[in-house]
Amino acid sequence: MNKFIGGVAAGVFMTFGSAQAGMITDVVNQNGYVSGFLDSYSYYHDITDNGFVPGSDLAVSGDISIKVTDDSRWDWFEIVVFTIEEFDLDSGGFTLGSSFSNSLEVEALAALNADGLLDVTVTSLSGDFYVGKSILNVVTEAVPEPGTLALLGLGLAGLGAARRRKA
C-alpha cells in the first residue's frame, strides 16, 4: 500500500511539476537610419502579439540578434552601441559596425515578464549605418495557477492524513 501511495504522489508531482516550455520568435523589420555621432534609433519587440500573457507565462531565457549595415559611405570606422532595456553590458553591447547577437540577461527577462515588451536602442558613437531586421527568440514556461497548487496541496495532505490514520 505504501508503494501505491508513493507512486501516486510521484505521479502527481511529475504531472504538476513539469512546466510546458514554448518558443516565441518575434521579428521586427525596419530600415532605420542612424546618421552619426550620438544619433540613435529605438524600437521594441512585443511578444504579446505571439501569445505571451504576462503573469500566466514566464520568459526564462532568450537571445536577440540585430542586423546593422553600412550606408556605403566611406567612414574610418563605425562604433555601434546596442542598449537592451537600460544601458548595461549584460544584454547590450558594442560592435564595430557589424551586426549584434547576445543572450538576454536578468533585466531584459524581467522586462519581458512584466509587460511582454523589450525596448531596444541602437546608437552611433562613430559613423552612420542602417538598422535592419531584429530577431528575438524567447523560451517560455507556463506559470501554474494558484488554484492548481492549492488542490495539489490538499490532495497531499489527505494522503498524509489517511496514512496516519492507518498507522
Foldseek 3Di string as FASTA:
>chain_A
DVVVLVVVLVVLCVVVVDWDKDKFKFKDFDWAKAAWAFGKDKDKTACVVVVDDQPFKAFDKKKKKWFKFAPPDDFPWKKKWKAKAHDDPQRIGIDTRGIDMGMDDDVQRVVCNVHRMIMMMMTINGHMIIIGMMMMMTMMTGDDDPVSVVVSVVVVVVSVVVVVVVD
